[in-house]
Amino acid sequence: MKTLVIYYSRKGENYVNGSIVPLEKGNTEIVAEYIRDAVGADLFEVETVKEYAASYMACIDEAKKELKSNARPELKAYLDDISEYDNIVVAGPCWWGTFPTPVFTQLERLDFAGKKVFPLMTHEGSGLADSAKSLKRYCKGAEIGPGLAVHGAEAKNSAALVSKWAKENLT
C-alpha cells in the first residue's frame, strides 16, 4: 500500500490553548511528518501564491471570506496525478469547520476513483468537524476512511497516537 499525505499547515502566529503563539513549524506539518515516518508516506504540501496575513486573527478572517465565497486560491505548485497511491491522507488545520480552501484548490484537480481517502485535522477544540463531509464532496469516487483529529497544542507530542492510527489504517 502506497500512501500520500496532502497537507496545508500554518507557521507563525497560531491559536494554541487560548493564546496566540508563534510556531516555527505548523502543527499539521508535524503530524504529516509523523505519518511519513510511521508508514513511509510521501508528502505534498499545499502552499498558496498569496500568503495569508501574518496575524492569526487577520488570517482567520481571510479564511472565513474565502470559504463563504467558495474561493480557490492559486497554489505555488500542483499535484496532477495520484495514480500510484492507494491511500490519500488529506490533512489541515480546522478553519471554520473544514479544511482551508487551498486544500480544495488541489483536491478538485485530482481523480480519486478507487482511492481510499482519510481526513486528518489539527484543531483547538473542533475535532474532525466537517472534514469527512468535505472530502466526500471534493474527492469524487473515493472511499472515505476513518479520520484522525489531533489537538494542535499536542501536535509535537502526538507521534505515538499518529503512528498507531497510520499503521492501523494505511498499511
C-alpha atoms as a PDB file:
ATOM      1  CA  MET A   1       0.000   0.000   0.000  1.00  0.00           C
ATOM      2  CA  LYS A   2       1.383   3.360  -1.028  1.00  0.00           C
ATOM      3  CA  THR A   3       0.282   6.469   0.867  1.00  0.00           C
ATOM      4  CA  LEU A   4       0.341  10.174   0.055  1.00  0.00           C
ATOM      5  CA  VAL A   5      -0.317  12.944   2.561  1.00  0.00           C
ATOM      6  CA  ILE A   6      -1.672  16.149   1.001  1.00  0.00           C
ATOM      7  CA  TYR A   7      -1.461  18.807   3.679  1.00  0.00           C
ATOM      8  CA  TYR A   8      -1.739  22.504   4.414  1.00  0.00           C
ATOM      9  CA  SER A   9      -0.003  23.855   7.518  1.00  0.00           C
ATOM     10  CA  ARG A  10       0.351  27.314   9.036  1.00  0.00           C
ATOM     11  CA  LYS A  11       3.628  28.504  10.519  1.00  0.00           C
ATOM     12  CA  GLY A  12       3.885  31.721  12.532  1.00  0.00           C
ATOM     13  CA  GLU A  13       1.029  33.010  14.669  1.00  0.00           C
ATOM     14  CA  ASN A  14      -1.394  30.260  15.698  1.00  0.00           C
ATOM     15  CA  TYR A  15      -4.091  29.802  18.298  1.00  0.00           C
ATOM     16  CA  VAL A  16      -2.847  27.399  20.983  1.00  0.00           C
ATOM     17  CA  ASN A  17      -4.755  26.631  24.188  1.00  0.00           C
ATOM     18  CA  GLY A  18      -6.479  30.022  24.207  1.00  0.00           C
ATOM     19  CA  SER A  19      -3.444  32.149  23.319  1.00  0.00           C
ATOM     20  CA  ILE A  20      -1.831  33.353  20.108  1.00  0.00           C
ATOM     21  CA  VAL A  21       1.705  31.953  19.892  1.00  0.00           C
ATOM     22  CA  PRO A  22       4.366  31.821  17.151  1.00  0.00           C
ATOM     23  CA  LEU A  23       5.141  28.382  15.720  1.00  0.00           C
ATOM     24  CA  GLU A  24       8.358  27.640  13.829  1.00  0.00           C
ATOM     25  CA  LYS A  25       6.651  24.655  12.193  1.00  0.00           C
ATOM     26  CA  GLY A  26       2.917  24.295  11.702  1.00  0.00           C
ATOM     27  CA  ASN A  27       1.032  21.642  13.665  1.00  0.00           C
ATOM     28  CA  THR A  28      -0.258  19.876  10.561  1.00  0.00           C
ATOM     29  CA  GLU A  29       3.249  19.642   9.084  1.00  0.00           C
ATOM     30  CA  ILE A  30       4.464  17.990  12.293  1.00  0.00           C
ATOM     31  CA  VAL A  31       1.649  15.437  12.114  1.00  0.00           C
ATOM     32  CA  ALA A  32       2.203  14.811   8.378  1.00  0.00           C
ATOM     33  CA  GLU A  33       5.846  14.031   9.119  1.00  0.00           C
ATOM     34  CA  TYR A  34       4.781  11.546  11.809  1.00  0.00           C
ATOM     35  CA  ILE A  35       2.658   9.737   9.199  1.00  0.00           C
ATOM     36  CA  ARG A  36       5.607   9.725   6.789  1.00  0.00           C
ATOM     37  CA  ASP A  37       7.849   8.261   9.463  1.00  0.00           C
ATOM     38  CA  ALA A  38       5.279   5.620  10.507  1.00  0.00           C
ATOM     39  CA  VAL A  39       4.331   4.208   7.099  1.00  0.00           C
ATOM     40  CA  GLY A  40       6.778   5.658   4.565  1.00  0.00           C
ATOM     41  CA  ALA A  41       4.209   8.041   3.087  1.00  0.00           C
ATOM     42  CA  ASP A  42       5.058  10.698   0.528  1.00  0.00           C
ATOM     43  CA  LEU A  43       4.222  14.299   1.445  1.00  0.00           C
ATOM     44  CA  PHE A  44       2.775  17.088  -0.693  1.00  0.00           C
ATOM     45  CA  GLU A  45       2.480  20.498   0.946  1.00  0.00           C
ATOM     46  CA  VAL A  46      -0.234  22.813  -0.353  1.00  0.00           C
ATOM     47  CA  GLU A  47       1.244  26.325  -0.498  1.00  0.00           C
ATOM     48  CA  THR A  48      -0.542  29.447  -1.701  1.00  0.00           C
ATOM     49  CA  VAL A  49       0.943  32.029  -4.047  1.00  0.00           C
ATOM     50  CA  LYS A  50      -0.576  34.830  -1.966  1.00  0.00           C
ATOM     51  CA  GLU A  51       0.450  34.413   1.661  1.00  0.00           C
ATOM     52  CA  TYR A  52      -2.158  34.667   4.378  1.00  0.00           C
ATOM     53  CA  ALA A  53      -1.809  37.553   6.819  1.00  0.00           C
ATOM     54  CA  ALA A  54       0.932  37.116   9.418  1.00  0.00           C
ATOM     55  CA  SER A  55      -1.596  37.989  12.136  1.00  0.00           C
ATOM     56  CA  TYR A  56      -3.595  34.913  13.135  1.00  0.00           C
ATOM     57  CA  MET A  57      -6.785  36.933  13.651  1.00  0.00           C
ATOM     58  CA  ALA A  58      -6.471  38.568  10.219  1.00  0.00           C
ATOM     59  CA  CYS A  59      -5.706  35.162   8.688  1.00  0.00           C
ATOM     60  CA  ILE A  60      -8.857  33.537  10.032  1.00  0.00           C
ATOM     61  CA  ASP A  61     -10.908  36.488   8.750  1.00  0.00           C
ATOM     62  CA  GLU A  62      -9.392  35.922   5.291  1.00  0.00           C
ATOM     63  CA  ALA A  63     -10.113  32.202   5.570  1.00  0.00           C
ATOM     64  CA  LYS A  64     -13.758  32.842   6.503  1.00  0.00           C
ATOM     65  CA  LYS A  65     -14.234  35.148   3.493  1.00  0.00           C
ATOM     66  CA  GLU A  66     -12.653  32.558   1.190  1.00  0.00           C
ATOM     67  CA  LEU A  67     -14.914  29.815   2.495  1.00  0.00           C
ATOM     68  CA  LYS A  68     -18.063  31.961   2.184  1.00  0.00           C
ATOM     69  CA  SER A  69     -17.176  32.946  -1.406  1.00  0.00           C
ATOM     70  CA  ASN A  70     -16.064  29.409  -2.362  1.00  0.00           C
ATOM     71  CA  ALA A  71     -12.658  30.839  -3.330  1.00  0.00           C
ATOM     72  CA  ARG A  72      -9.903  28.702  -4.818  1.00  0.00           C
ATOM     73  CA  PRO A  73      -6.578  30.388  -4.013  1.00  0.00           C
ATOM     74  CA  GLU A  74      -3.776  29.886  -6.529  1.00  0.00           C
ATOM     75  CA  LEU A  75      -1.087  27.449  -5.430  1.00  0.00           C
ATOM     76  CA  LYS A  76       2.701  27.599  -5.870  1.00  0.00           C
ATOM     77  CA  ALA A  77       2.683  24.036  -7.230  1.00  0.00           C
ATOM     78  CA  TYR A  78       0.033  21.496  -8.140  1.00  0.00           C
ATOM     79  CA  LEU A  79      -0.109  17.745  -7.889  1.00  0.00           C
ATOM     80  CA  ASP A  80      -1.763  16.375 -11.035  1.00  0.00           C
ATOM     81  CA  ASP A  81      -1.515  12.599 -10.686  1.00  0.00           C
ATOM     82  CA  ILE A  82      -2.142  10.339  -7.706  1.00  0.00           C
ATOM     83  CA  SER A  83      -2.472   7.108  -9.688  1.00  0.00           C
ATOM     84  CA  GLU A  84       0.448   5.428  -7.899  1.00  0.00           C
ATOM     85  CA  TYR A  85      -1.179   5.834  -4.468  1.00  0.00           C
ATOM     86  CA  ASP A  86      -3.717   3.584  -2.741  1.00  0.00           C
ATOM     87  CA  ASN A  87      -4.309   5.821   0.282  1.00  0.00           C
ATOM     88  CA  ILE A  88      -4.508   9.595   0.430  1.00  0.00           C
ATOM     89  CA  VAL A  89      -4.490  11.435   3.744  1.00  0.00           C
ATOM     90  CA  VAL A  90      -5.848  14.964   3.456  1.00  0.00           C
ATOM     91  CA  ALA A  91      -4.552  16.978   6.396  1.00  0.00           C
ATOM     92  CA  GLY A  92      -5.026  20.527   7.539  1.00  0.00           C
ATOM     93  CA  PRO A  93      -5.969  22.815  10.366  1.00  0.00           C
ATOM     94  CA  CYS A  94      -9.668  23.145  11.106  1.00  0.00           C
ATOM     95  CA  TRP A  95     -10.627  26.567   9.781  1.00  0.00           C
ATOM     96  CA  TRP A  96     -14.336  27.333  10.129  1.00  0.00           C
ATOM     97  CA  GLY A  97     -15.310  23.676  10.373  1.00  0.00           C
ATOM     98  CA  THR A  98     -13.351  22.313   7.428  1.00  0.00           C
ATOM     99  CA  PHE A  99     -10.048  22.419   5.567  1.00  0.00           C
ATOM    100  CA  PRO A 100      -8.552  25.712   4.342  1.00  0.00           C
ATOM    101  CA  THR A 101      -9.789  26.477   0.809  1.00  0.00           C
ATOM    102  CA  PRO A 102      -6.337  25.996  -0.803  1.00  0.00           C
ATOM    103  CA  VAL A 103      -6.751  22.294   0.016  1.00  0.00           C
ATOM    104  CA  PHE A 104      -9.913  22.276  -2.126  1.00  0.00           C
ATOM    105  CA  THR A 105      -7.993  24.025  -4.936  1.00  0.00           C
ATOM    106  CA  GLN A 106      -5.724  20.975  -5.008  1.00  0.00           C
ATOM    107  CA  LEU A 107      -8.333  18.267  -4.452  1.00  0.00           C
ATOM    108  CA  GLU A 108     -10.542  19.424  -7.330  1.00  0.00           C
ATOM    109  CA  ARG A 109      -7.702  18.726  -9.792  1.00  0.00           C
ATOM    110  CA  LEU A 110      -7.344  15.045  -8.906  1.00  0.00           C
ATOM    111  CA  ASP A 111      -9.026  11.761  -9.851  1.00  0.00           C
ATOM    112  CA  PHE A 112      -9.919   9.863  -6.680  1.00  0.00           C
ATOM    113  CA  ALA A 113     -11.676   6.913  -8.314  1.00  0.00           C
ATOM    114  CA  GLY A 114     -10.710   3.745  -6.459  1.00  0.00           C
ATOM    115  CA  LYS A 115      -8.737   5.587  -3.775  1.00  0.00           C
ATOM    116  CA  LYS A 116      -9.199   5.474  -0.038  1.00  0.00           C
ATOM    117  CA  VAL A 117      -9.089   8.961   1.488  1.00  0.00           C
ATOM    118  CA  PHE A 118      -8.612   9.785   5.166  1.00  0.00           C
ATOM    119  CA  PRO A 119      -9.313  13.126   6.849  1.00  0.00           C
ATOM    120  CA  LEU A 120      -6.843  14.452   9.388  1.00  0.00           C
ATOM    121  CA  MET A 121      -7.440  17.710  11.229  1.00  0.00           C
ATOM    122  CA  THR A 122      -5.333  19.633  13.676  1.00  0.00           C
ATOM    123  CA  HIS A 123      -7.620  21.714  15.837  1.00  0.00           C
ATOM    124  CA  GLU A 124      -8.060  23.616  19.068  1.00  0.00           C
ATOM    125  CA  GLY A 125     -11.348  22.045  20.076  1.00  0.00           C
ATOM    126  CA  SER A 126     -13.408  21.256  16.975  1.00  0.00           C
ATOM    127  CA  GLY A 127     -12.123  17.735  16.302  1.00  0.00           C
ATOM    128  CA  LEU A 128     -12.733  16.457  12.766  1.00  0.00           C
ATOM    129  CA  ALA A 129     -15.627  18.923  12.285  1.00  0.00           C
ATOM    130  CA  ASP A 130     -16.969  18.565   8.699  1.00  0.00           C
ATOM    131  CA  SER A 131     -13.724  17.225   7.211  1.00  0.00           C
ATOM    132  CA  ALA A 132     -15.170  13.852   6.121  1.00  0.00           C
ATOM    133  CA  LYS A 133     -18.217  15.551   4.583  1.00  0.00           C
ATOM    134  CA  SER A 134     -15.898  17.910   2.668  1.00  0.00           C
ATOM    135  CA  LEU A 135     -13.813  15.011   1.389  1.00  0.00           C
ATOM    136  CA  LYS A 136     -16.941  13.220   0.148  1.00  0.00           C
ATOM    137  CA  ARG A 137     -17.751  16.366  -1.820  1.00  0.00           C
ATOM    138  CA  TYR A 138     -14.290  17.068  -3.253  1.00  0.00           C
ATOM    139  CA  CYS A 139     -12.834  13.564  -3.653  1.00  0.00           C
ATOM    140  CA  LYS A 140     -15.372  12.077  -6.075  1.00  0.00           C
ATOM    141  CA  GLY A 141     -15.193   8.296  -6.340  1.00  0.00           C
ATOM    142  CA  ALA A 142     -13.119   7.840  -3.188  1.00  0.00           C
ATOM    143  CA  GLU A 143     -13.944   5.720  -0.199  1.00  0.00           C
ATOM    144  CA  ILE A 144     -13.617   7.863   2.935  1.00  0.00           C
ATOM    145  CA  GLY A 145     -11.745   6.089   5.715  1.00  0.00           C
ATOM    146  CA  PRO A 146     -11.524   6.759   9.440  1.00  0.00           C
ATOM    147  CA  GLY A 147     -10.208  10.183  10.306  1.00  0.00           C
ATOM    148  CA  LEU A 148      -7.888  11.442  12.993  1.00  0.00           C
ATOM    149  CA  ALA A 149      -8.216  14.660  14.974  1.00  0.00           C
ATOM    150  CA  VAL A 150      -5.077  15.921  16.705  1.00  0.00           C
ATOM    151  CA  HIS A 151      -5.292  18.754  19.213  1.00  0.00           C
ATOM    152  CA  GLY A 152      -2.906  21.340  17.763  1.00  0.00           C
ATOM    153  CA  ALA A 153      -1.326  22.179  21.099  1.00  0.00           C
ATOM    154  CA  GLU A 154      -0.432  18.477  21.421  1.00  0.00           C
ATOM    155  CA  ALA A 155       0.903  18.019  17.861  1.00  0.00           C
ATOM    156  CA  LYS A 156       4.549  17.834  18.950  1.00  0.00           C
ATOM    157  CA  ASN A 157       3.659  15.111  21.459  1.00  0.00           C
ATOM    158  CA  SER A 158       1.348  13.116  19.173  1.00  0.00           C
ATOM    159  CA  ALA A 159       3.864  10.822  17.459  1.00  0.00           C
ATOM    160  CA  ALA A 160       2.604   7.647  19.176  1.00  0.00           C
ATOM    161  CA  LEU A 161      -1.077   8.477  18.535  1.00  0.00           C
ATOM    162  CA  VAL A 162      -0.465   9.383  14.881  1.00  0.00           C
ATOM    163  CA  SER A 163       1.795   6.384  14.261  1.00  0.00           C
ATOM    164  CA  LYS A 164      -0.775   3.993  15.739  1.00  0.00           C
ATOM    165  CA  TRP A 165      -3.563   5.476  13.588  1.00  0.00           C
ATOM    166  CA  ALA A 166      -1.390   5.391  10.451  1.00  0.00           C
ATOM    167  CA  LYS A 167      -0.314   1.777  10.950  1.00  0.00           C
ATOM    168  CA  GLU A 168      -3.915   0.672  11.640  1.00  0.00           C
ATOM    169  CA  ASN A 169      -5.394   2.444   8.610  1.00  0.00           C
ATOM    170  CA  LEU A 170      -2.725   2.949   5.963  1.00  0.00           C
ATOM    171  CA  THR A 171      -0.887  -0.391   5.763  1.00  0.00           C
END
